[in-house]
Amino acid sequence: LSCAASGRTFGSDFLSWFRQAPGKEERDFVAGIRQTTGGTYYAD
């Protein structure tokens, strides 16, 4: 999957992916990347 960002993205700390499964109201964290350090984080 690709996410094209435009605008003041440099002001963000985290850029992340979430997902919402069929029939569920909640949107769950999948993965994130911290712009300042490049650190990556994942759901179990």
PDB file of all heavy atoms in Angstrom:
ATOM      1  N   LEU A   1       0.845  -1.181   0.000  1.00  0.00           N
ATOM      2  CA  LEU A   1       0.000   0.000   0.000  1.00  0.00           C
ATOM      3  C   LEU A   1       0.887   1.241   0.000  1.00  0.00           C
ATOM      4  O   LEU A   1       1.964   1.242   0.604  1.00  0.00           O
ATOM      5  CB  LEU A   1      -0.904   0.017   1.230  1.00  0.00           C
ATOM      6  CG  LEU A   1      -1.788  -1.210   1.448  1.00  0.00           C
ATOM      7  CD1 LEU A   1      -2.669  -1.006   2.680  1.00  0.00           C
ATOM      8  CD2 LEU A   1      -2.624  -1.514   0.229  1.00  0.00           C
ATOM      9  N   SER A   2       0.397   2.265  -0.665  1.00  0.00           N
ATOM     10  CA  SER A   2       1.143   3.510  -0.750  1.00  0.00           C
ATOM     11  C   SER A   2       0.282   4.662  -0.250  1.00  0.00           C
ATOM     12  O   SER A   2      -0.916   4.703  -0.521  1.00  0.00           O
ATOM     13  CB  SER A   2       1.563   3.754  -2.202  1.00  0.00           C
ATOM     14  OG  SER A   2       2.269   4.971  -2.315  1.00  0.00           O
ATOM     15  N   CYS A   3       0.916   5.571   0.468  1.00  0.00           N
ATOM     16  CA  CYS A   3       0.235   6.762   0.960  1.00  0.00           C
ATOM     17  C   CYS A   3       1.015   7.977   0.474  1.00  0.00           C
ATOM     18  O   CYS A   3       2.147   8.208   0.915  1.00  0.00           O
ATOM     19  CB  CYS A   3       0.161   6.752   2.481  1.00  0.00           C
ATOM     20  SG  CYS A   3      -0.483   8.277   3.207  1.00  0.00           S
ATOM     21  N   ALA A   4       0.411   8.711  -0.447  1.00  0.00           N
ATOM     22  CA  ALA A   4       1.040   9.927  -0.962  1.00  0.00           C
ATOM     23  C   ALA A   4       0.611  11.101  -0.095  1.00  0.00           C
ATOM     24  O   ALA A   4      -0.578  11.366   0.056  1.00  0.00           O
ATOM     25  CB  ALA A   4       0.639  10.144  -2.415  1.00  0.00           C
ATOM     26  N   ALA A   5       1.607  11.774   0.456  1.00  0.00           N
ATOM     27  CA  ALA A   5       1.321  12.876   1.371  1.00  0.00           C
ATOM     28  C   ALA A   5       1.679  14.210   0.729  1.00  0.00           C
ATOM     29  O   ALA A   5       2.689  14.322   0.038  1.00  0.00           O
ATOM     30  CB  ALA A   5       2.114  12.694   2.662  1.00  0.00           C
ATOM     31  N   SER A   6       0.856  15.194   0.959  1.00  0.00           N
ATOM     32  CA  SER A   6       1.146  16.543   0.480  1.00  0.00           C
ATOM     33  C   SER A   6       0.793  17.527   1.587  1.00  0.00           C
ATOM     34  O   SER A   6       0.018  17.227   2.480  1.00  0.00           O
ATOM     35  CB  SER A   6       0.371  16.846  -0.794  1.00  0.00           C
ATOM     36  OG  SER A   6      -1.019  16.772  -0.552  1.00  0.00           O
ATOM     37  N   GLY A   7       1.376  18.703   1.506  1.00  0.00           N
ATOM     38  CA  GLY A   7       1.131  19.694   2.543  1.00  0.00           C
ATOM     39  C   GLY A   7       2.222  19.651   3.594  1.00  0.00           C
ATOM     40  O   GLY A   7       3.323  19.174   3.358  1.00  0.00           O
ATOM     41  N   ARG A   8       1.911  20.086   4.789  1.00  0.00           N
ATOM     42  CA  ARG A   8       2.898  20.247   5.836  1.00  0.00           C
ATOM     43  C   ARG A   8       3.163  18.952   6.592  1.00  0.00           C
ATOM     44  O   ARG A   8       3.056  18.876   7.816  1.00  0.00           O
ATOM     45  CB  ARG A   8       2.451  21.333   6.807  1.00  0.00           C
ATOM     46  CG  ARG A   8       2.340  22.702   6.159  1.00  0.00           C
ATOM     47  CD  ARG A   8       1.774  23.723   7.136  1.00  0.00           C
ATOM     48  NE  ARG A   8       2.591  23.898   8.321  1.00  0.00           N
ATOM     49  CZ  ARG A   8       3.627  24.725   8.405  1.00  0.00           C
ATOM     50  NH1 ARG A   8       3.972  25.453   7.346  1.00  0.00           N
ATOM     51  NH2 ARG A   8       4.314  24.846   9.529  1.00  0.00           N
ATOM     52  N   THR A   9       3.541  17.912   5.858  1.00  0.00           N
ATOM     53  CA  THR A   9       3.792  16.619   6.497  1.00  0.00           C
ATOM     54  C   THR A   9       5.016  16.639   7.386  1.00  0.00           C
ATOM     55  O   THR A   9       5.141  15.839   8.302  1.00  0.00           O
ATOM     56  CB  THR A   9       3.949  15.521   5.446  1.00  0.00           C
ATOM     57  OG1 THR A   9       4.984  15.902   4.536  1.00  0.00           O
ATOM     58  CG2 THR A   9       2.658  15.306   4.687  1.00  0.00           C
ATOM     59  N   PHE A  10       5.924  17.613   7.145  1.00  0.00           N
ATOM     60  CA  PHE A  10       7.138  17.658   7.948  1.00  0.00           C
ATOM     61  C   PHE A  10       6.829  18.040   9.382  1.00  0.00           C
ATOM     62  O   PHE A  10       7.639  17.863  10.281  1.00  0.00           O
ATOM     63  CB  PHE A  10       8.140  18.627   7.341  1.00  0.00           C
ATOM     64  CG  PHE A  10       7.614  20.028   7.182  1.00  0.00           C
ATOM     65  CD1 PHE A  10       7.627  20.929   8.233  1.00  0.00           C
ATOM     66  CD2 PHE A  10       7.089  20.451   5.973  1.00  0.00           C
ATOM     67  CE1 PHE A  10       7.140  22.205   8.088  1.00  0.00           C
ATOM     68  CE2 PHE A  10       6.600  21.725   5.818  1.00  0.00           C
ATOM     69  CZ  PHE A  10       6.627  22.610   6.880  1.00  0.00           C
ATOM     70  N   GLY A  11       5.625  18.589   9.600  1.00  0.00           N
ATOM     71  CA  GLY A  11       5.233  18.955  10.958  1.00  0.00           C
ATOM     72  C   GLY A  11       4.747  17.786  11.772  1.00  0.00           C
ATOM     73  O   GLY A  11       4.598  17.893  12.992  1.00  0.00           O
ATOM     74  N   SER A  12       4.512  16.651  11.132  1.00  0.00           N
ATOM     75  CA  SER A  12       4.003  15.476  11.847  1.00  0.00           C
ATOM     76  C   SER A  12       5.142  14.684  12.472  1.00  0.00           C
ATOM     77  O   SER A  12       6.230  14.607  11.915  1.00  0.00           O
ATOM     78  CB  SER A  12       3.214  14.581  10.899  1.00  0.00           C
ATOM     79  OG  SER A  12       1.961  15.161  10.588  1.00  0.00           O
ATOM     80  N   ASP A  13       4.852  14.098  13.621  1.00  0.00           N
ATOM     81  CA  ASP A  13       5.824  13.245  14.302  1.00  0.00           C
ATOM     82  C   ASP A  13       5.709  11.820  13.783  1.00  0.00           C
ATOM     83  O   ASP A  13       6.692  11.220  13.357  1.00  0.00           O
ATOM     84  CB  ASP A  13       5.556  13.291  15.810  1.00  0.00           C
ATOM     85  CG  ASP A  13       6.632  12.606  16.611  1.00  0.00           C
ATOM     86  OD1 ASP A  13       7.722  12.350  16.061  1.00  0.00           O
ATOM     87  OD2 ASP A  13       6.393  12.303  17.797  1.00  0.00           O
ATOM     88  N   PHE A  14       4.490  11.308  13.774  1.00  0.00           N
ATOM     89  CA  PHE A  14       4.249   9.947  13.296  1.00  0.00           C
ATOM     90  C   PHE A  14       3.403   9.956  12.025  1.00  0.00           C
ATOM     91  O   PHE A  14       2.434  10.707  11.902  1.00  0.00           O
ATOM     92  CB  PHE A  14       3.504   9.127  14.356  1.00  0.00           C
ATOM     93  CG  PHE A  14       4.411   8.437  15.336  1.00  0.00           C
ATOM     94  CD1 PHE A  14       4.787   9.064  16.505  1.00  0.00           C
ATOM     95  CD2 PHE A  14       4.875   7.154  15.077  1.00  0.00           C
ATOM     96  CE1 PHE A  14       5.625   8.426  17.410  1.00  0.00           C
ATOM     97  CE2 PHE A  14       5.709   6.516  15.979  1.00  0.00           C
ATOM     98  CZ  PHE A  14       6.090   7.149  17.154  1.00  0.00           C
ATOM     99  N   LEU A  15       3.773   9.075  11.112  1.00  0.00           N
ATOM    100  CA  LEU A  15       2.935   8.716   9.972  1.00  0.00           C
ATOM    101  C   LEU A  15       2.608   7.238  10.143  1.00  0.00           C
ATOM    102  O   LEU A  15       3.532   6.430  10.313  1.00  0.00           O
ATOM    103  CB  LEU A  15       3.673   8.959   8.654  1.00  0.00           C
ATOM    104  CG  LEU A  15       4.095  10.405   8.378  1.00  0.00           C
ATOM    105  CD1 LEU A  15       4.949  10.478   7.128  1.00  0.00           C
ATOM    106  CD2 LEU A  15       2.873  11.296   8.252  1.00  0.00           C
ATOM    107  N   SER A  16       1.327   6.924  10.123  1.00  0.00           N
ATOM    108  CA  SER A  16       0.949   5.551  10.475  1.00  0.00           C
ATOM    109  C   SER A  16      -0.136   5.004   9.571  1.00  0.00           C
ATOM    110  O   SER A  16      -0.788   5.744   8.836  1.00  0.00           O
ATOM    111  CB  SER A  16       0.450   5.506  11.934  1.00  0.00           C
ATOM    112  OG  SER A  16       1.494   5.843  12.831  1.00  0.00           O
ATOM    113  N   TRP A  17      -0.300   3.698   9.677  1.00  0.00           N
ATOM    114  CA  TRP A  17      -1.386   2.996   8.998  1.00  0.00           C
ATOM    115  C   TRP A  17      -2.308   2.382  10.056  1.00  0.00           C
ATOM    116  O   TRP A  17      -1.840   1.779  11.036  1.00  0.00           O
ATOM    117  CB  TRP A  17      -0.842   1.877   8.115  1.00  0.00           C
ATOM    118  CG  TRP A  17      -0.177   2.359   6.865  1.00  0.00           C
ATOM    119  CD1 TRP A  17       1.142   2.645   6.689  1.00  0.00           C
ATOM    120  CD2 TRP A  17      -0.809   2.586   5.603  1.00  0.00           C
ATOM    121  NE1 TRP A  17       1.377   3.050   5.408  1.00  0.00           N
ATOM    122  CE2 TRP A  17       0.191   3.020   4.705  1.00  0.00           C
ATOM    123  CE3 TRP A  17      -2.118   2.472   5.130  1.00  0.00           C
ATOM    124  CZ2 TRP A  17      -0.070   3.335   3.373  1.00  0.00           C
ATOM    125  CZ3 TRP A  17      -2.381   2.780   3.807  1.00  0.00           C
ATOM    126  CH2 TRP A  17      -1.371   3.207   2.941  1.00  0.00           C
ATOM    127  N   PHE A  18      -3.589   2.539   9.816  1.00  0.00           N
ATOM    128  CA  PHE A  18      -4.620   1.915  10.621  1.00  0.00           C
ATOM    129  C   PHE A  18      -5.499   1.082   9.692  1.00  0.00           C
ATOM    130  O   PHE A  18      -5.463   1.247   8.477  1.00  0.00           O
ATOM    131  CB  PHE A  18      -5.492   2.966  11.320  1.00  0.00           C
ATOM    132  CG  PHE A  18      -4.841   3.623  12.511  1.00  0.00           C
ATOM    133  CD1 PHE A  18      -3.834   4.548  12.334  1.00  0.00           C
ATOM    134  CD2 PHE A  18      -5.242   3.310  13.793  1.00  0.00           C
ATOM    135  CE1 PHE A  18      -3.224   5.162  13.425  1.00  0.00           C
ATOM    136  CE2 PHE A  18      -4.654   3.919  14.897  1.00  0.00           C
ATOM    137  CZ  PHE A  18      -3.637   4.848  14.702  1.00  0.00           C
ATOM    138  N   ARG A  19      -6.311   0.208  10.271  1.00  0.00           N
ATOM    139  CA  ARG A  19      -7.266  -0.540   9.464  1.00  0.00           C
ATOM    140  C   ARG A  19      -8.564  -0.730  10.223  1.00  0.00           C
ATOM    141  O   ARG A  19      -8.575  -0.784  11.450  1.00  0.00           O
ATOM    142  CB  ARG A  19      -6.690  -1.891   9.048  1.00  0.00           C
ATOM    143  CG  ARG A  19      -6.445  -2.879  10.184  1.00  0.00           C
ATOM    144  CD  ARG A  19      -5.758  -4.140   9.654  1.00  0.00           C
ATOM    145  NE  ARG A  19      -5.530  -5.132  10.700  1.00  0.00           N
ATOM    146  CZ  ARG A  19      -4.844  -6.263  10.501  1.00  0.00           C
ATOM    147  NH1 ARG A  19      -4.321  -6.527   9.301  1.00  0.00           N
ATOM    148  NH2 ARG A  19      -4.681  -7.106  11.487  1.00  0.00           N
ATOM    149  N   GLN A  20      -9.630  -0.824   9.439  1.00  0.00           N
ATOM    150  CA  GLN A  20     -10.959  -1.033   9.996  1.00  0.00           C
ATOM    151  C   GLN A  20     -11.572  -2.246   9.325  1.00  0.00           C
ATOM    152  O   GLN A  20     -11.830  -2.231   8.114  1.00  0.00           O
ATOM    153  CB  GLN A  20     -11.830   0.201   9.776  1.00  0.00           C
ATOM    154  CG  GLN A  20     -13.162   0.157  10.478  1.00  0.00           C
ATOM    155  CD  GLN A  20     -13.836   1.515  10.483  1.00  0.00           C
ATOM    156  OE1 GLN A  20     -13.283   2.516  10.025  1.00  0.00           O
ATOM    157  NE2 GLN A  20     -15.037   1.580  11.020  1.00  0.00           N
ATOM    158  N   ALA A  21     -11.766  -3.292  10.099  1.00  0.00           N
ATOM    159  CA  ALA A  21     -12.287  -4.544   9.573  1.00  0.00           C
ATOM    160  C   ALA A  21     -13.793  -4.440   9.332  1.00  0.00           C
ATOM    161  O   ALA A  21     -14.470  -3.613   9.960  1.00  0.00           O
ATOM    162  CB  ALA A  21     -11.990  -5.674  10.548  1.00  0.00           C
ATOM    163  N   PRO A  22     -14.329  -5.278   8.455  1.00  0.00           N
ATOM    164  CA  PRO A  22     -15.764  -5.237   8.164  1.00  0.00           C
ATOM    165  C   PRO A  22     -16.607  -5.442   9.416  1.00  0.00           C
ATOM    166  O   PRO A  22     -16.325  -6.342  10.215  1.00  0.00           O
ATOM    167  CB  PRO A  22     -15.958  -6.393   7.187  1.00  0.00           C
ATOM    168  CG  PRO A  22     -14.627  -6.626   6.582  1.00  0.00           C
ATOM    169  CD  PRO A  22     -13.635  -6.289   7.636  1.00  0.00           C
ATOM    170  N   GLY A  23     -17.598  -4.597   9.586  1.00  0.00           N
ATOM    171  CA  GLY A  23     -18.497  -4.729  10.718  1.00  0.00           C
ATOM    172  C   GLY A  23     -17.963  -4.202  12.029  1.00  0.00           C
ATOM    173  O   GLY A  23     -18.652  -4.276  13.045  1.00  0.00           O
ATOM    174  N   LYS A  24     -16.749  -3.674  12.044  1.00  0.00           N
ATOM    175  CA  LYS A  24     -16.165  -3.140  13.277  1.00  0.00           C
ATOM    176  C   LYS A  24     -16.145  -1.620  13.237  1.00  0.00           C
ATOM    177  O   LYS A  24     -15.876  -1.025  12.198  1.00  0.00           O
ATOM    178  CB  LYS A  24     -14.754  -3.674  13.479  1.00  0.00           C
ATOM    179  CG  LYS A  24     -14.696  -5.149  13.838  1.00  0.00           C
ATOM    180  CD  LYS A  24     -13.308  -5.531  14.300  1.00  0.00           C
ATOM    181  CE  LYS A  24     -13.262  -6.966  14.815  1.00  0.00           C
ATOM    182  NZ  LYS A  24     -11.917  -7.335  15.326  1.00  0.00           N
ATOM    183  N   GLU A  25     -16.401  -1.014  14.363  1.00  0.00           N
ATOM    184  CA  GLU A  25     -16.378   0.435  14.451  1.00  0.00           C
ATOM    185  C   GLU A  25     -14.976   0.968  14.688  1.00  0.00           C
ATOM    186  O   GLU A  25     -14.641   2.058  14.245  1.00  0.00           O
ATOM    187  CB  GLU A  25     -17.310   0.912  15.562  1.00  0.00           C
ATOM    188  CG  GLU A  25     -18.776   0.703  15.287  1.00  0.00           C
ATOM    189  CD  GLU A  25     -19.651   1.387  16.308  1.00  0.00           C
ATOM    190  OE1 GLU A  25     -19.098   2.075  17.190  1.00  0.00           O
ATOM    191  OE2 GLU A  25     -20.875   1.241  16.222  1.00  0.00           O
ATOM    192  N   GLU A  26     -14.178   0.185  15.401  1.00  0.00           N
ATOM    193  CA  GLU A  26     -12.861   0.712  15.755  1.00  0.00           C
ATOM    194  C   GLU A  26     -11.906   0.601  14.584  1.00  0.00           C
ATOM    195  O   GLU A  26     -12.016  -0.281  13.738  1.00  0.00           O
ATOM    196  CB  GLU A  26     -12.291  -0.024  16.981  1.00  0.00           C
ATOM    197  CG  GLU A  26     -12.067  -1.506  16.806  1.00  0.00           C
ATOM    198  CD  GLU A  26     -13.270  -2.313  17.207  1.00  0.00           C
ATOM    199  OE1 GLU A  26     -14.391  -1.764  17.212  1.00  0.00           O
ATOM    200  OE2 GLU A  26     -13.086  -3.501  17.504  1.00  0.00           O
ATOM    201  N   ARG A  27     -10.984   1.528  14.588  1.00  0.00           N
ATOM    202  CA  ARG A  27      -9.929   1.567  13.586  1.00  0.00           C
ATOM    203  C   ARG A  27      -8.640   1.221  14.336  1.00  0.00           C
ATOM    204  O   ARG A  27      -8.230   1.949  15.246  1.00  0.00           O
ATOM    205  CB  ARG A  27      -9.869   2.960  12.977  1.00  0.00           C
ATOM    206  CG  ARG A  27      -9.190   3.052  11.639  1.00  0.00           C
ATOM    207  CD  ARG A  27      -9.383   4.425  11.027  1.00  0.00           C
ATOM    208  NE  ARG A  27     -10.741   4.615  10.528  1.00  0.00           N
ATOM    209  CZ  ARG A  27     -11.128   5.691   9.850  1.00  0.00           C
ATOM    210  NH1 ARG A  27     -10.262   6.664   9.619  1.00  0.00           N
ATOM    211  NH2 ARG A  27     -12.365   5.803   9.410  1.00  0.00           N
ATOM    212  N   ASP A  28      -8.008   0.123  13.954  1.00  0.00           N
ATOM    213  CA  ASP A  28      -6.868  -0.403  14.698  1.00  0.00           C
ATOM    214  C   ASP A  28      -5.530  -0.008  14.097  1.00  0.00           C
ATOM    215  O   ASP A  28      -5.363  -0.016  12.867  1.00  0.00           O
ATOM    216  CB  ASP A  28      -6.934  -1.934  14.773  1.00  0.00           C
ATOM    217  CG  ASP A  28      -8.174  -2.426  15.507  1.00  0.00           C
ATOM    218  OD1 ASP A  28      -8.585  -1.771  16.484  1.00  0.00           O
ATOM    219  OD2 ASP A  28      -8.734  -3.458  15.078  1.00  0.00           O
ATOM    220  N   PHE A  29      -4.587   0.289  14.962  1.00  0.00           N
ATOM    221  CA  PHE A  29      -3.229   0.605  14.535  1.00  0.00           C
ATOM    222  C   PHE A  29      -2.588  -0.616  13.884  1.00  0.00           C
ATOM    223  O   PHE A  29      -2.708  -1.738  14.394  1.00  0.00           O
ATOM    224  CB  PHE A  29      -2.421   1.039  15.752  1.00  0.00           C
ATOM    225  CG  PHE A  29      -0.974   1.267  15.489  1.00  0.00           C
ATOM    226  CD1 PHE A  29      -0.533   2.463  14.933  1.00  0.00           C
ATOM    227  CD2 PHE A  29      -0.037   0.296  15.794  1.00  0.00           C
ATOM    228  CE1 PHE A  29       0.807   2.687  14.689  1.00  0.00           C
ATOM    229  CE2 PHE A  29       1.319   0.506  15.571  1.00  0.00           C
ATOM    230  CZ  PHE A  29       1.733   1.707  15.013  1.00  0.00           C
ATOM    231  N   VAL A  30      -1.907  -0.395  12.775  1.00  0.00           N
ATOM    232  CA  VAL A  30      -1.183  -1.465  12.090  1.00  0.00           C
ATOM    233  C   VAL A  30       0.328  -1.236  12.195  1.00  0.00           C
ATOM    234  O   VAL A  30       1.075  -2.102  12.637  1.00  0.00           O
ATOM    235  CB  VAL A  30      -1.586  -1.547  10.603  1.00  0.00           C
ATOM    236  CG1 VAL A  30      -0.770  -2.613   9.884  1.00  0.00           C
ATOM    237  CG2 VAL A  30      -3.081  -1.817  10.468  1.00  0.00           C
ATOM    238  N   ALA A  31       0.764  -0.059  11.773  1.00  0.00           N
ATOM    239  CA  ALA A  31       2.194   0.244  11.781  1.00  0.00           C
ATOM    240  C   ALA A  31       2.380   1.753  11.740  1.00  0.00           C
ATOM    241  O   ALA A  31       1.529   2.471  11.213  1.00  0.00           O
ATOM    242  CB  ALA A  31       2.897  -0.408  10.593  1.00  0.00           C
ATOM    243  N   GLY A  32       3.515   2.196  12.278  1.00  0.00           N
ATOM    244  CA  GLY A  32       3.807   3.619  12.270  1.00  0.00           C
ATOM    245  C   GLY A  32       5.295   3.861  12.118  1.00  0.00           C
ATOM    246  O   GLY A  32       6.124   3.002  12.466  1.00  0.00           O
ATOM    247  N   ILE A  33       5.625   5.022  11.587  1.00  0.00           N
ATOM    248  CA  ILE A  33       7.015   5.409  11.444  1.00  0.00           C
ATOM    249  C   ILE A  33       7.187   6.824  11.994  1.00  0.00           C
ATOM    250  O   ILE A  33       6.379   7.717  11.714  1.00  0.00           O
ATOM    251  CB  ILE A  33       7.495   5.312   9.977  1.00  0.00           C
ATOM    252  CG1 ILE A  33       8.988   5.581   9.865  1.00  0.00           C
ATOM    253  CG2 ILE A  33       6.689   6.231   9.063  1.00  0.00           C
ATOM    254  CD1 ILE A  33       9.578   5.153   8.510  1.00  0.00           C
ATOM    255  N   ARG A  34       8.242   6.991  12.807  1.00  0.00           N
ATOM    256  CA  ARG A  34       8.500   8.289  13.403  1.00  0.00           C
ATOM    257  C   ARG A  34       9.438   9.079  12.496  1.00  0.00           C
ATOM    258  O   ARG A  34      10.539   8.593  12.188  1.00  0.00           O
ATOM    259  CB  ARG A  34       9.113   8.114  14.782  1.00  0.00           C
ATOM    260  CG  ARG A  34       9.123   9.377  15.606  1.00  0.00           C
ATOM    261  CD  ARG A  34       9.386   9.102  17.059  1.00  0.00           C
ATOM    262  NE  ARG A  34       8.873  10.179  17.892  1.00  0.00           N
ATOM    263  CZ  ARG A  34       8.810  10.147  19.211  1.00  0.00           C
ATOM    264  NH1 ARG A  34       9.241   9.068  19.857  1.00  0.00           N
ATOM    265  NH2 ARG A  34       8.327  11.161  19.870  1.00  0.00           N
ATOM    266  N   GLN A  35       9.040  10.228  12.078  1.00  0.00           N
ATOM    267  CA  GLN A  35       9.788  10.958  11.072  1.00  0.00           C
ATOM    268  C   GLN A  35      11.154  11.415  11.582  1.00  0.00           C
ATOM    269  O   GLN A  35      12.126  11.431  10.822  1.00  0.00           O
ATOM    270  CB  GLN A  35       8.980  12.164  10.585  1.00  0.00           C
ATOM    271  CG  GLN A  35       7.728  11.778   9.841  1.00  0.00           C
ATOM    272  CD  GLN A  35       7.331  12.846   8.843  1.00  0.00           C
ATOM    273  OE1 GLN A  35       7.689  12.792   7.677  1.00  0.00           O
ATOM    274  NE2 GLN A  35       6.589  13.834   9.317  1.00  0.00           N
ATOM    275  N   THR A  36      11.255  11.781  12.827  1.00  0.00           N
ATOM    276  CA  THR A  36      12.512  12.324  13.341  1.00  0.00           C
ATOM    277  C   THR A  36      13.600  11.265  13.486  1.00  0.00           C
ATOM    278  O   THR A  36      14.773  11.538  13.226  1.00  0.00           O
ATOM    279  CB  THR A  36      12.281  12.970  14.707  1.00  0.00           C
ATOM    280  OG1 THR A  36      11.610  12.031  15.563  1.00  0.00           O
ATOM    281  CG2 THR A  36      11.439  14.228  14.574  1.00  0.00           C
ATOM    282  N   THR A  37      13.192  10.052  13.836  1.00  0.00           N
ATOM    283  CA  THR A  37      14.198   9.018  14.108  1.00  0.00           C
ATOM    284  C   THR A  37      14.191   7.894  13.077  1.00  0.00           C
ATOM    285  O   THR A  37      15.135   7.114  12.997  1.00  0.00           O
ATOM    286  CB  THR A  37      13.948   8.386  15.489  1.00  0.00           C
ATOM    287  OG1 THR A  37      12.680   7.717  15.465  1.00  0.00           O
ATOM    288  CG2 THR A  37      13.951   9.447  16.577  1.00  0.00           C
ATOM    289  N   GLY A  38      13.108   7.798  12.323  1.00  0.00           N
ATOM    290  CA  GLY A  38      12.958   6.670  11.407  1.00  0.00           C
ATOM    291  C   GLY A  38      12.522   5.396  12.109  1.00  0.00           C
ATOM    292  O   GLY A  38      12.430   4.336  11.482  1.00  0.00           O
ATOM    293  N   GLY A  39      12.265   5.486  13.391  1.00  0.00           N
ATOM    294  CA  GLY A  39      11.841   4.317  14.139  1.00  0.00           C
ATOM    295  C   GLY A  39      10.503   3.790  13.651  1.00  0.00           C
ATOM    296  O   GLY A  39       9.627   4.561  13.278  1.00  0.00           O
ATOM    297  N   THR A  40      10.371   2.469  13.628  1.00  0.00           N
ATOM    298  CA  THR A  40       9.140   1.846  13.162  1.00  0.00           C
ATOM    299  C   THR A  40       8.485   1.047  14.277  1.00  0.00           C
ATOM    300  O   THR A  40       9.165   0.506  15.155  1.00  0.00           O
ATOM    301  CB  THR A  40       9.415   0.932  11.959  1.00  0.00           C
ATOM    302  OG1 THR A  40      10.403  -0.036  12.326  1.00  0.00           O
ATOM    303  CG2 THR A  40       9.908   1.731  10.767  1.00  0.00           C
ATOM    304  N   TYR A  41       7.173   0.998  14.213  1.00  0.00           N
ATOM    305  CA  TYR A  41       6.388   0.366  15.271  1.00  0.00           C
ATOM    306  C   TYR A  41       5.284  -0.455  14.614  1.00  0.00           C
ATOM    307  O   TYR A  41       4.707  -0.024  13.616  1.00  0.00           O
ATOM    308  CB  TYR A  41       5.778   1.431  16.183  1.00  0.00           C
ATOM    309  CG  TYR A  41       6.809   2.354  16.770  1.00  0.00           C
ATOM    310  CD1 TYR A  41       7.302   3.439  16.045  1.00  0.00           C
ATOM    311  CD2 TYR A  41       7.319   2.148  18.048  1.00  0.00           C
ATOM    312  CE1 TYR A  41       8.267   4.276  16.560  1.00  0.00           C
ATOM    313  CE2 TYR A  41       8.281   2.998  18.579  1.00  0.00           C
ATOM    314  CZ  TYR A  41       8.748   4.056  17.830  1.00  0.00           C
ATOM    315  OH  TYR A  41       9.706   4.888  18.358  1.00  0.00           O
ATOM    316  N   TYR A  42       5.004  -1.634  15.185  1.00  0.00           N
ATOM    317  CA  TYR A  42       4.040  -2.535  14.576  1.00  0.00           C
ATOM    318  C   TYR A  42       3.085  -3.115  15.609  1.00  0.00           C
ATOM    319  O   TYR A  42       3.460  -3.345  16.767  1.00  0.00           O
ATOM    320  CB  TYR A  42       4.771  -3.695  13.888  1.00  0.00           C
ATOM    321  CG  TYR A  42       5.681  -3.256  12.777  1.00  0.00           C
ATOM    322  CD1 TYR A  42       7.037  -3.044  13.000  1.00  0.00           C
ATOM    323  CD2 TYR A  42       5.170  -3.023  11.497  1.00  0.00           C
ATOM    324  CE1 TYR A  42       7.880  -2.617  11.989  1.00  0.00           C
ATOM    325  CE2 TYR A  42       6.002  -2.603  10.474  1.00  0.00           C
ATOM    326  CZ  TYR A  42       7.349  -2.403  10.728  1.00  0.00           C
ATOM    327  OH  TYR A  42       8.167  -1.975   9.708  1.00  0.00           O
ATOM    328  N   ALA A  43       1.874  -3.377  15.157  1.00  0.00           N
ATOM    329  CA  ALA A  43       0.930  -4.111  15.989  1.00  0.00           C
ATOM    330  C   ALA A  43       1.383  -5.565  16.067  1.00  0.00           C
ATOM    331  O   ALA A  43       1.961  -6.099  15.109  1.00  0.00           O
ATOM    332  CB  ALA A  43      -0.472  -4.022  15.392  1.00  0.00           C
ATOM    333  N   ASP A  44       1.107  -6.204  17.184  1.00  0.00           N
ATOM    334  CA  ASP A  44       1.516  -7.597  17.354  1.00  0.00           C
ATOM    335  C   ASP A  44       0.906  -8.500  16.281  1.00  0.00           C
ATOM    336  O   ASP A  44       1.526  -9.481  15.861  1.00  0.00           O
ATOM    337  CB  ASP A  44       1.107  -8.095  18.747  1.00  0.00           C
ATOM    338  CG  ASP A  44       1.943  -7.482  19.851  1.00  0.00           C
ATOM    339  OD1 ASP A  44       3.045  -6.973  19.562  1.00  0.00           O
ATOM    340  OD2 ASP A  44       1.489  -7.509  21.006  1.00  0.00           O
TER     341      ASP A  44
END
